Amino acid sequence: MSDNSTIKERVRKALERVRPYLQSDGGDIDLIDVTEDMTVKVKLKGACHGCPYSMQTLKAGVEQAIMKEVPEIKRVISA
């Protein structure tokens, strides 16, 4: 298994790729943690926080982008 700090850095880079799309809608995202079981915890902010489409954005947008960049990741959840 890869070093957790390396995986976190790769996840951060993946988030940087999706961040402009979230910001264009008045939102943003923070990386909270990458757990031992390869779950990424993120927090949606701004307009994305509490938006009816936030779970869809998280799964279809953020999770897909992260898993494409970091295949070791099993899932992405909102913290």
PDB file of N, CA and C in Angstrom:
ATOM      1  N   MET A   1       0.843  -1.188   0.000  1.00  0.00           N
ATOM      2  CA  MET A   1       0.000   0.000   0.000  1.00  0.00           C
ATOM      3  C   MET A   1       0.888   1.252   0.000  1.00  0.00           C
ATOM      4  N   SER A   2       0.458   2.253  -0.710  1.00  0.00           N
ATOM      5  CA  SER A   2       1.239   3.489  -0.817  1.00  0.00           C
ATOM      6  C   SER A   2       1.233   4.249   0.498  1.00  0.00           C
ATOM      7  N   ASP A   3       2.228   5.076   0.658  1.00  0.00           N
ATOM      8  CA  ASP A   3       2.321   5.945   1.826  1.00  0.00           C
ATOM      9  C   ASP A   3       1.116   6.885   1.851  1.00  0.00           C
ATOM     10  N   ASN A   4       0.477   7.011   3.016  1.00  0.00           N
ATOM     11  CA  ASN A   4      -0.744   7.810   3.139  1.00  0.00           C
ATOM     12  C   ASN A   4      -0.546   9.271   2.767  1.00  0.00           C
ATOM     13  N   SER A   5       0.617   9.847   3.087  1.00  0.00           N
ATOM     14  CA  SER A   5       0.840  11.257   2.748  1.00  0.00           C
ATOM     15  C   SER A   5       0.938  11.447   1.231  1.00  0.00           C
ATOM     16  N   THR A   6       1.494  10.462   0.537  1.00  0.00           N
ATOM     17  CA  THR A   6       1.556  10.512  -0.921  1.00  0.00           C
ATOM     18  C   THR A   6       0.155  10.430  -1.516  1.00  0.00           C
ATOM     19  N   ILE A   7      -0.657   9.545  -0.979  1.00  0.00           N
ATOM     20  CA  ILE A   7      -2.037   9.414  -1.459  1.00  0.00           C
ATOM     21  C   ILE A   7      -2.794  10.709  -1.191  1.00  0.00           C
ATOM     22  N   LYS A   8      -2.620  11.292  -0.006  1.00  0.00           N
ATOM     23  CA  LYS A   8      -3.285  12.563   0.314  1.00  0.00           C
ATOM     24  C   LYS A   8      -2.899  13.654  -0.677  1.00  0.00           C
ATOM     25  N   GLU A   9      -1.636  13.701  -1.026  1.00  0.00           N
ATOM     26  CA  GLU A   9      -1.169  14.710  -1.979  1.00  0.00           C
ATOM     27  C   GLU A   9      -1.805  14.485  -3.351  1.00  0.00           C
ATOM     28  N   ARG A  10      -1.913  13.253  -3.778  1.00  0.00           N
ATOM     29  CA  ARG A  10      -2.559  12.947  -5.068  1.00  0.00           C
ATOM     30  C   ARG A  10      -4.041  13.301  -5.031  1.00  0.00           C
ATOM     31  N   VAL A  11      -4.694  13.058  -3.894  1.00  0.00           N
ATOM     32  CA  VAL A  11      -6.107  13.431  -3.738  1.00  0.00           C
ATOM     33  C   VAL A  11      -6.246  14.952  -3.810  1.00  0.00           C
ATOM     34  N   ARG A  12      -5.329  15.683  -3.142  1.00  0.00           N
ATOM     35  CA  ARG A  12      -5.357  17.158  -3.198  1.00  0.00           C
ATOM     36  C   ARG A  12      -5.254  17.649  -4.638  1.00  0.00           C
ATOM     37  N   LYS A  13      -4.364  17.035  -5.420  1.00  0.00           N
ATOM     38  CA  LYS A  13      -4.208  17.438  -6.822  1.00  0.00           C
ATOM     39  C   LYS A  13      -5.491  17.182  -7.609  1.00  0.00           C
ATOM     40  N   ALA A  14      -6.146  16.061  -7.346  1.00  0.00           N
ATOM     41  CA  ALA A  14      -7.416  15.759  -8.020  1.00  0.00           C
ATOM     42  C   ALA A  14      -8.473  16.789  -7.632  1.00  0.00           C
ATOM     43  N   LEU A  15      -8.507  17.177  -6.365  1.00  0.00           N
ATOM     44  CA  LEU A  15      -9.466  18.194  -5.922  1.00  0.00           C
ATOM     45  C   LEU A  15      -9.197  19.542  -6.575  1.00  0.00           C
ATOM     46  N   GLU A  16      -7.921  19.859  -6.786  1.00  0.00           N
ATOM     47  CA  GLU A  16      -7.583  21.118  -7.463  1.00  0.00           C
ATOM     48  C   GLU A  16      -8.142  21.148  -8.882  1.00  0.00           C
ATOM     49  N   ARG A  17      -8.277  19.992  -9.503  1.00  0.00           N
ATOM     50  CA  ARG A  17      -8.835  19.930 -10.858  1.00  0.00           C
ATOM     51  C   ARG A  17     -10.339  20.179 -10.875  1.00  0.00           C
ATOM     52  N   VAL A  18     -11.054  19.752  -9.824  1.00  0.00           N
ATOM     53  CA  VAL A  18     -12.509  19.951  -9.798  1.00  0.00           C
ATOM     54  C   VAL A  18     -12.920  21.260  -9.118  1.00  0.00           C
ATOM     55  N   ARG A  19     -12.020  21.828  -8.327  1.00  0.00           N
ATOM     56  CA  ARG A  19     -12.333  23.047  -7.569  1.00  0.00           C
ATOM     57  C   ARG A  19     -12.879  24.184  -8.462  1.00  0.00           C
ATOM     58  N   PRO A  20     -12.281  24.474  -9.633  1.00  0.00           N
ATOM     59  CA  PRO A  20     -12.820  25.582 -10.454  1.00  0.00           C
ATOM     60  C   PRO A  20     -14.286  25.390 -10.845  1.00  0.00           C
ATOM     61  N   TYR A  21     -14.718  24.148 -11.051  1.00  0.00           N
ATOM     62  CA  TYR A  21     -16.116  23.892 -11.403  1.00  0.00           C
ATOM     63  C   TYR A  21     -17.028  24.201 -10.220  1.00  0.00           C
ATOM     64  N   LEU A  22     -16.592  23.827  -9.024  1.00  0.00           N
ATOM     65  CA  LEU A  22     -17.376  24.123  -7.830  1.00  0.00           C
ATOM     66  C   LEU A  22     -17.406  25.627  -7.567  1.00  0.00           C
ATOM     67  N   GLN A  23     -16.260  26.286  -7.736  1.00  0.00           N
ATOM     68  CA  GLN A  23     -16.181  27.723  -7.494  1.00  0.00           C
ATOM     69  C   GLN A  23     -17.013  28.513  -8.500  1.00  0.00           C
ATOM     70  N   SER A  24     -17.142  27.999  -9.703  1.00  0.00           N
ATOM     71  CA  SER A  24     -17.946  28.706 -10.711  1.00  0.00           C
ATOM     72  C   SER A  24     -19.426  28.738 -10.318  1.00  0.00           C
ATOM     73  N   ASP A  25     -19.834  27.815  -9.432  1.00  0.00           N
ATOM     74  CA  ASP A  25     -21.208  27.796  -8.920  1.00  0.00           C
ATOM     75  C   ASP A  25     -21.299  28.399  -7.525  1.00  0.00           C
ATOM     76  N   GLY A  26     -20.215  29.044  -7.073  1.00  0.00           N
ATOM     77  CA  GLY A  26     -20.233  29.690  -5.769  1.00  0.00           C
ATOM     78  C   GLY A  26     -19.891  28.775  -4.605  1.00  0.00           C
ATOM     79  N   GLY A  27     -19.324  27.612  -4.901  1.00  0.00           N
ATOM     80  CA  GLY A  27     -18.979  26.663  -3.851  1.00  0.00           C
ATOM     81  C   GLY A  27     -17.489  26.414  -3.777  1.00  0.00           C
ATOM     82  N   ASP A  28     -17.121  25.461  -2.942  1.00  0.00           N
ATOM     83  CA  ASP A  28     -15.727  25.048  -2.813  1.00  0.00           C
ATOM     84  C   ASP A  28     -15.701  23.722  -2.076  1.00  0.00           C
ATOM     85  N   ILE A  29     -14.502  23.170  -1.915  1.00  0.00           N
ATOM     86  CA  ILE A  29     -14.363  21.879  -1.253  1.00  0.00           C
ATOM     87  C   ILE A  29     -13.067  21.851  -0.463  1.00  0.00           C
ATOM     88  N   ASP A  30     -13.109  21.207   0.698  1.00  0.00           N
ATOM     89  CA  ASP A  30     -11.926  21.009   1.527  1.00  0.00           C
ATOM     90  C   ASP A  30     -11.695  19.514   1.717  1.00  0.00           C
ATOM     91  N   LEU A  31     -10.444  19.119   1.684  1.00  0.00           N
ATOM     92  CA  LEU A  31     -10.080  17.744   2.036  1.00  0.00           C
ATOM     93  C   LEU A  31      -9.975  17.676   3.547  1.00  0.00           C
ATOM     94  N   ILE A  32     -10.736  16.793   4.165  1.00  0.00           N
ATOM     95  CA  ILE A  32     -10.706  16.623   5.613  1.00  0.00           C
ATOM     96  C   ILE A  32      -9.716  15.517   5.988  1.00  0.00           C
ATOM     97  N   ASP A  33      -9.817  14.359   5.327  1.00  0.00           N
ATOM     98  CA  ASP A  33      -8.955  13.243   5.695  1.00  0.00           C
ATOM     99  C   ASP A  33      -9.001  12.165   4.620  1.00  0.00           C
ATOM    100  N   VAL A  34      -7.966  11.327   4.632  1.00  0.00           N
ATOM    101  CA  VAL A  34      -7.964  10.077   3.886  1.00  0.00           C
ATOM    102  C   VAL A  34      -7.748   9.004   4.945  1.00  0.00           C
ATOM    103  N   THR A  35      -8.732   8.125   5.121  1.00  0.00           N
ATOM    104  CA  THR A  35      -8.676   7.137   6.194  1.00  0.00           C
ATOM    105  C   THR A  35      -7.853   5.921   5.790  1.00  0.00           C
ATOM    106  N   GLU A  36      -7.589   5.070   6.769  1.00  0.00           N
ATOM    107  CA  GLU A  36      -6.818   3.839   6.535  1.00  0.00           C
ATOM    108  C   GLU A  36      -7.494   2.923   5.524  1.00  0.00           C
ATOM    109  N   ASP A  37      -8.842   2.935   5.491  1.00  0.00           N
ATOM    110  CA  ASP A  37      -9.562   2.074   4.544  1.00  0.00           C
ATOM    111  C   ASP A  37      -9.776   2.742   3.188  1.00  0.00           C
ATOM    112  N   MET A  38      -8.982   3.795   2.930  1.00  0.00           N
ATOM    113  CA  MET A  38      -8.984   4.488   1.627  1.00  0.00           C
ATOM    114  C   MET A  38     -10.309   5.189   1.327  1.00  0.00           C
ATOM    115  N   THR A  39     -10.900   5.759   2.363  1.00  0.00           N
ATOM    116  CA  THR A  39     -12.072   6.610   2.208  1.00  0.00           C
ATOM    117  C   THR A  39     -11.607   8.060   2.293  1.00  0.00           C
ATOM    118  N   VAL A  40     -12.042   8.870   1.339  1.00  0.00           N
ATOM    119  CA  VAL A  40     -11.718  10.293   1.354  1.00  0.00           C
ATOM    120  C   VAL A  40     -12.889  11.034   1.984  1.00  0.00           C
ATOM    121  N   LYS A  41     -12.580  11.858   2.990  1.00  0.00           N
ATOM    122  CA  LYS A  41     -13.596  12.694   3.621  1.00  0.00           C
ATOM    123  C   LYS A  41     -13.381  14.124   3.151  1.00  0.00           C
ATOM    124  N   VAL A  42     -14.433  14.707   2.607  1.00  0.00           N
ATOM    125  CA  VAL A  42     -14.364  16.086   2.126  1.00  0.00           C
ATOM    126  C   VAL A  42     -15.510  16.892   2.727  1.00  0.00           C
ATOM    127  N   LYS A  43     -15.361  18.204   2.660  1.00  0.00           N
ATOM    128  CA  LYS A  43     -16.431  19.094   3.107  1.00  0.00           C
ATOM    129  C   LYS A  43     -16.743  20.071   1.986  1.00  0.00           C
ATOM    130  N   LEU A  44     -17.989  20.049   1.546  1.00  0.00           N
ATOM    131  CA  LEU A  44     -18.443  21.007   0.546  1.00  0.00           C
ATOM    132  C   LEU A  44     -18.763  22.314   1.264  1.00  0.00           C
ATOM    133  N   LYS A  45     -18.404  23.434   0.648  1.00  0.00           N
ATOM    134  CA  LYS A  45     -18.587  24.743   1.273  1.00  0.00           C
ATOM    135  C   LYS A  45     -19.326  25.684   0.330  1.00  0.00           C
ATOM    136  N   GLY A  46     -19.691  26.827   0.871  1.00  0.00           N
ATOM    137  CA  GLY A  46     -20.343  27.858   0.067  1.00  0.00           C
ATOM    138  C   GLY A  46     -21.674  27.381  -0.476  1.00  0.00           C
ATOM    139  N   ALA A  47     -21.933  27.681  -1.732  1.00  0.00           N
ATOM    140  CA  ALA A  47     -23.202  27.315  -2.355  1.00  0.00           C
ATOM    141  C   ALA A  47     -23.376  25.801  -2.440  1.00  0.00           C
ATOM    142  N   CYS A  48     -22.282  25.054  -2.432  1.00  0.00           N
ATOM    143  CA  CYS A  48     -22.362  23.591  -2.526  1.00  0.00           C
ATOM    144  C   CYS A  48     -22.850  22.965  -1.219  1.00  0.00           C
ATOM    145  N   HIS A  49     -22.575  23.629  -0.096  1.00  0.00           N
ATOM    146  CA  HIS A  49     -22.989  23.102   1.203  1.00  0.00           C
ATOM    147  C   HIS A  49     -24.505  23.204   1.330  1.00  0.00           C
ATOM    148  N   GLY A  50     -25.176  22.074   1.467  1.00  0.00           N
ATOM    149  CA  GLY A  50     -26.623  22.075   1.614  1.00  0.00           C
ATOM    150  C   GLY A  50     -27.389  22.160   0.308  1.00  0.00           C
ATOM    151  N   CYS A  51     -26.700  22.228  -0.810  1.00  0.00           N
ATOM    152  CA  CYS A  51     -27.370  22.263  -2.112  1.00  0.00           C
ATOM    153  C   CYS A  51     -28.052  20.920  -2.363  1.00  0.00           C
ATOM    154  N   PRO A  52     -29.258  20.933  -2.951  1.00  0.00           N
ATOM    155  CA  PRO A  52     -29.947  19.666  -3.222  1.00  0.00           C
ATOM    156  C   PRO A  52     -29.146  18.726  -4.140  1.00  0.00           C
ATOM    157  N   TYR A  53     -28.251  19.285  -4.920  1.00  0.00           N
ATOM    158  CA  TYR A  53     -27.468  18.469  -5.847  1.00  0.00           C
ATOM    159  C   TYR A  53     -26.089  18.110  -5.292  1.00  0.00           C
ATOM    160  N   SER A  54     -25.828  18.453  -4.021  1.00  0.00           N
ATOM    161  CA  SER A  54     -24.482  18.253  -3.484  1.00  0.00           C
ATOM    162  C   SER A  54     -24.051  16.788  -3.478  1.00  0.00           C
ATOM    163  N   MET A  55     -24.956  15.859  -3.155  1.00  0.00           N
ATOM    164  CA  MET A  55     -24.573  14.444  -3.154  1.00  0.00           C
ATOM    165  C   MET A  55     -24.287  13.963  -4.576  1.00  0.00           C
ATOM    166  N   GLN A  56     -25.062  14.452  -5.536  1.00  0.00           N
ATOM    167  CA  GLN A  56     -24.816  14.115  -6.939  1.00  0.00           C
ATOM    168  C   GLN A  56     -23.469  14.677  -7.381  1.00  0.00           C
ATOM    169  N   THR A  57     -23.174  15.908  -7.006  1.00  0.00           N
ATOM    170  CA  THR A  57     -21.884  16.520  -7.322  1.00  0.00           C
ATOM    171  C   THR A  57     -20.757  15.713  -6.699  1.00  0.00           C
ATOM    172  N   LEU A  58     -20.952  15.319  -5.445  1.00  0.00           N
ATOM    173  CA  LEU A  58     -19.930  14.564  -4.725  1.00  0.00           C
ATOM    174  C   LEU A  58     -19.658  13.236  -5.409  1.00  0.00           C
ATOM    175  N   LYS A  59     -20.702  12.495  -5.757  1.00  0.00           N
ATOM    176  CA  LYS A  59     -20.522  11.169  -6.335  1.00  0.00           C
ATOM    177  C   LYS A  59     -20.103  11.225  -7.807  1.00  0.00           C
ATOM    178  N   ALA A  60     -20.829  11.992  -8.598  1.00  0.00           N
ATOM    179  CA  ALA A  60     -20.578  12.005 -10.046  1.00  0.00           C
ATOM    180  C   ALA A  60     -19.362  12.831 -10.418  1.00  0.00           C
ATOM    181  N   GLY A  61     -19.117  13.899  -9.679  1.00  0.00           N
ATOM    182  CA  GLY A  61     -18.010  14.779 -10.032  1.00  0.00           C
ATOM    183  C   GLY A  61     -16.757  14.519  -9.241  1.00  0.00           C
ATOM    184  N   VAL A  62     -16.845  14.771  -7.950  1.00  0.00           N
ATOM    185  CA  VAL A  62     -15.669  14.716  -7.091  1.00  0.00           C
ATOM    186  C   VAL A  62     -15.139  13.285  -6.958  1.00  0.00           C
ATOM    187  N   GLU A  63     -16.023  12.343  -6.621  1.00  0.00           N
ATOM    188  CA  GLU A  63     -15.568  10.959  -6.429  1.00  0.00           C
ATOM    189  C   GLU A  63     -14.949  10.397  -7.707  1.00  0.00           C
ATOM    190  N   GLN A  64     -15.586  10.634  -8.838  1.00  0.00           N
ATOM    191  CA  GLN A  64     -15.053  10.122 -10.103  1.00  0.00           C
ATOM    192  C   GLN A  64     -13.683  10.715 -10.407  1.00  0.00           C
ATOM    193  N   ALA A  65     -13.534  12.015 -10.177  1.00  0.00           N
ATOM    194  CA  ALA A  65     -12.250  12.674 -10.452  1.00  0.00           C
ATOM    195  C   ALA A  65     -11.147  12.119  -9.546  1.00  0.00           C
ATOM    196  N   ILE A  66     -11.467  11.947  -8.275  1.00  0.00           N
ATOM    197  CA  ILE A  66     -10.462  11.423  -7.340  1.00  0.00           C
ATOM    198  C   ILE A  66     -10.092   9.993  -7.687  1.00  0.00           C
ATOM    199  N   MET A  67     -11.093   9.149  -7.941  1.00  0.00           N
ATOM    200  CA  MET A  67     -10.825   7.731  -8.214  1.00  0.00           C
ATOM    201  C   MET A  67     -10.078   7.541  -9.539  1.00  0.00           C
ATOM    202  N   LYS A  68     -10.277   8.441 -10.464  1.00  0.00           N
ATOM    203  CA  LYS A  68      -9.536   8.377 -11.727  1.00  0.00           C
ATOM    204  C   LYS A  68      -8.053   8.666 -11.480  1.00  0.00           C
ATOM    205  N   GLU A  69      -7.776   9.665 -10.647  1.00  0.00           N
ATOM    206  CA  GLU A  69      -6.402  10.061 -10.340  1.00  0.00           C
ATOM    207  C   GLU A  69      -5.733   9.128  -9.331  1.00  0.00           C
ATOM    208  N   VAL A  70      -6.533   8.637  -8.385  1.00  0.00           N
ATOM    209  CA  VAL A  70      -6.000   7.827  -7.277  1.00  0.00           C
ATOM    210  C   VAL A  70      -6.847   6.554  -7.163  1.00  0.00           C
ATOM    211  N   PRO A  71      -6.553   5.544  -7.989  1.00  0.00           N
ATOM    212  CA  PRO A  71      -7.395   4.332  -8.032  1.00  0.00           C
ATOM    213  C   PRO A  71      -7.445   3.560  -6.710  1.00  0.00           C
ATOM    214  N   GLU A  72      -6.518   3.822  -5.802  1.00  0.00           N
ATOM    215  CA  GLU A  72      -6.524   3.149  -4.514  1.00  0.00           C
ATOM    216  C   GLU A  72      -7.726   3.548  -3.647  1.00  0.00           C
ATOM    217  N   ILE A  73      -8.284   4.723  -3.925  1.00  0.00           N
ATOM    218  CA  ILE A  73      -9.401   5.244  -3.133  1.00  0.00           C
ATOM    219  C   ILE A  73     -10.645   4.399  -3.397  1.00  0.00           C
ATOM    220  N   LYS A  74     -11.333   4.045  -2.313  1.00  0.00           N
ATOM    221  CA  LYS A  74     -12.537   3.196  -2.407  1.00  0.00           C
ATOM    222  C   LYS A  74     -13.815   4.013  -2.497  1.00  0.00           C
ATOM    223  N   ARG A  75     -13.865   5.153  -1.776  1.00  0.00           N
ATOM    224  CA  ARG A  75     -15.075   5.976  -1.804  1.00  0.00           C
ATOM    225  C   ARG A  75     -14.763   7.378  -1.306  1.00  0.00           C
ATOM    226  N   VAL A  76     -15.702   8.289  -1.587  1.00  0.00           N
ATOM    227  CA  VAL A  76     -15.590   9.674  -1.132  1.00  0.00           C
ATOM    228  C   VAL A  76     -16.879   9.992  -0.390  1.00  0.00           C
ATOM    229  N   ILE A  77     -16.728  10.530   0.822  1.00  0.00           N
ATOM    230  CA  ILE A  77     -17.906  10.880   1.620  1.00  0.00           C
ATOM    231  C   ILE A  77     -17.815  12.327   2.078  1.00  0.00           C
ATOM    232  N   SER A  78     -18.974  12.882   2.408  1.00  0.00           N
ATOM    233  CA  SER A  78     -19.046  14.238   2.945  1.00  0.00           C
ATOM    234  C   SER A  78     -18.885  14.170   4.450  1.00  0.00           C
ATOM    235  N   ALA A  79     -17.987  14.960   4.982  1.00  0.00           N
ATOM    236  CA  ALA A  79     -17.735  14.940   6.437  1.00  0.00           C
ATOM    237  C   ALA A  79     -18.570  15.990   7.136  1.00  0.00           C
TER     238      ALA A  79
END
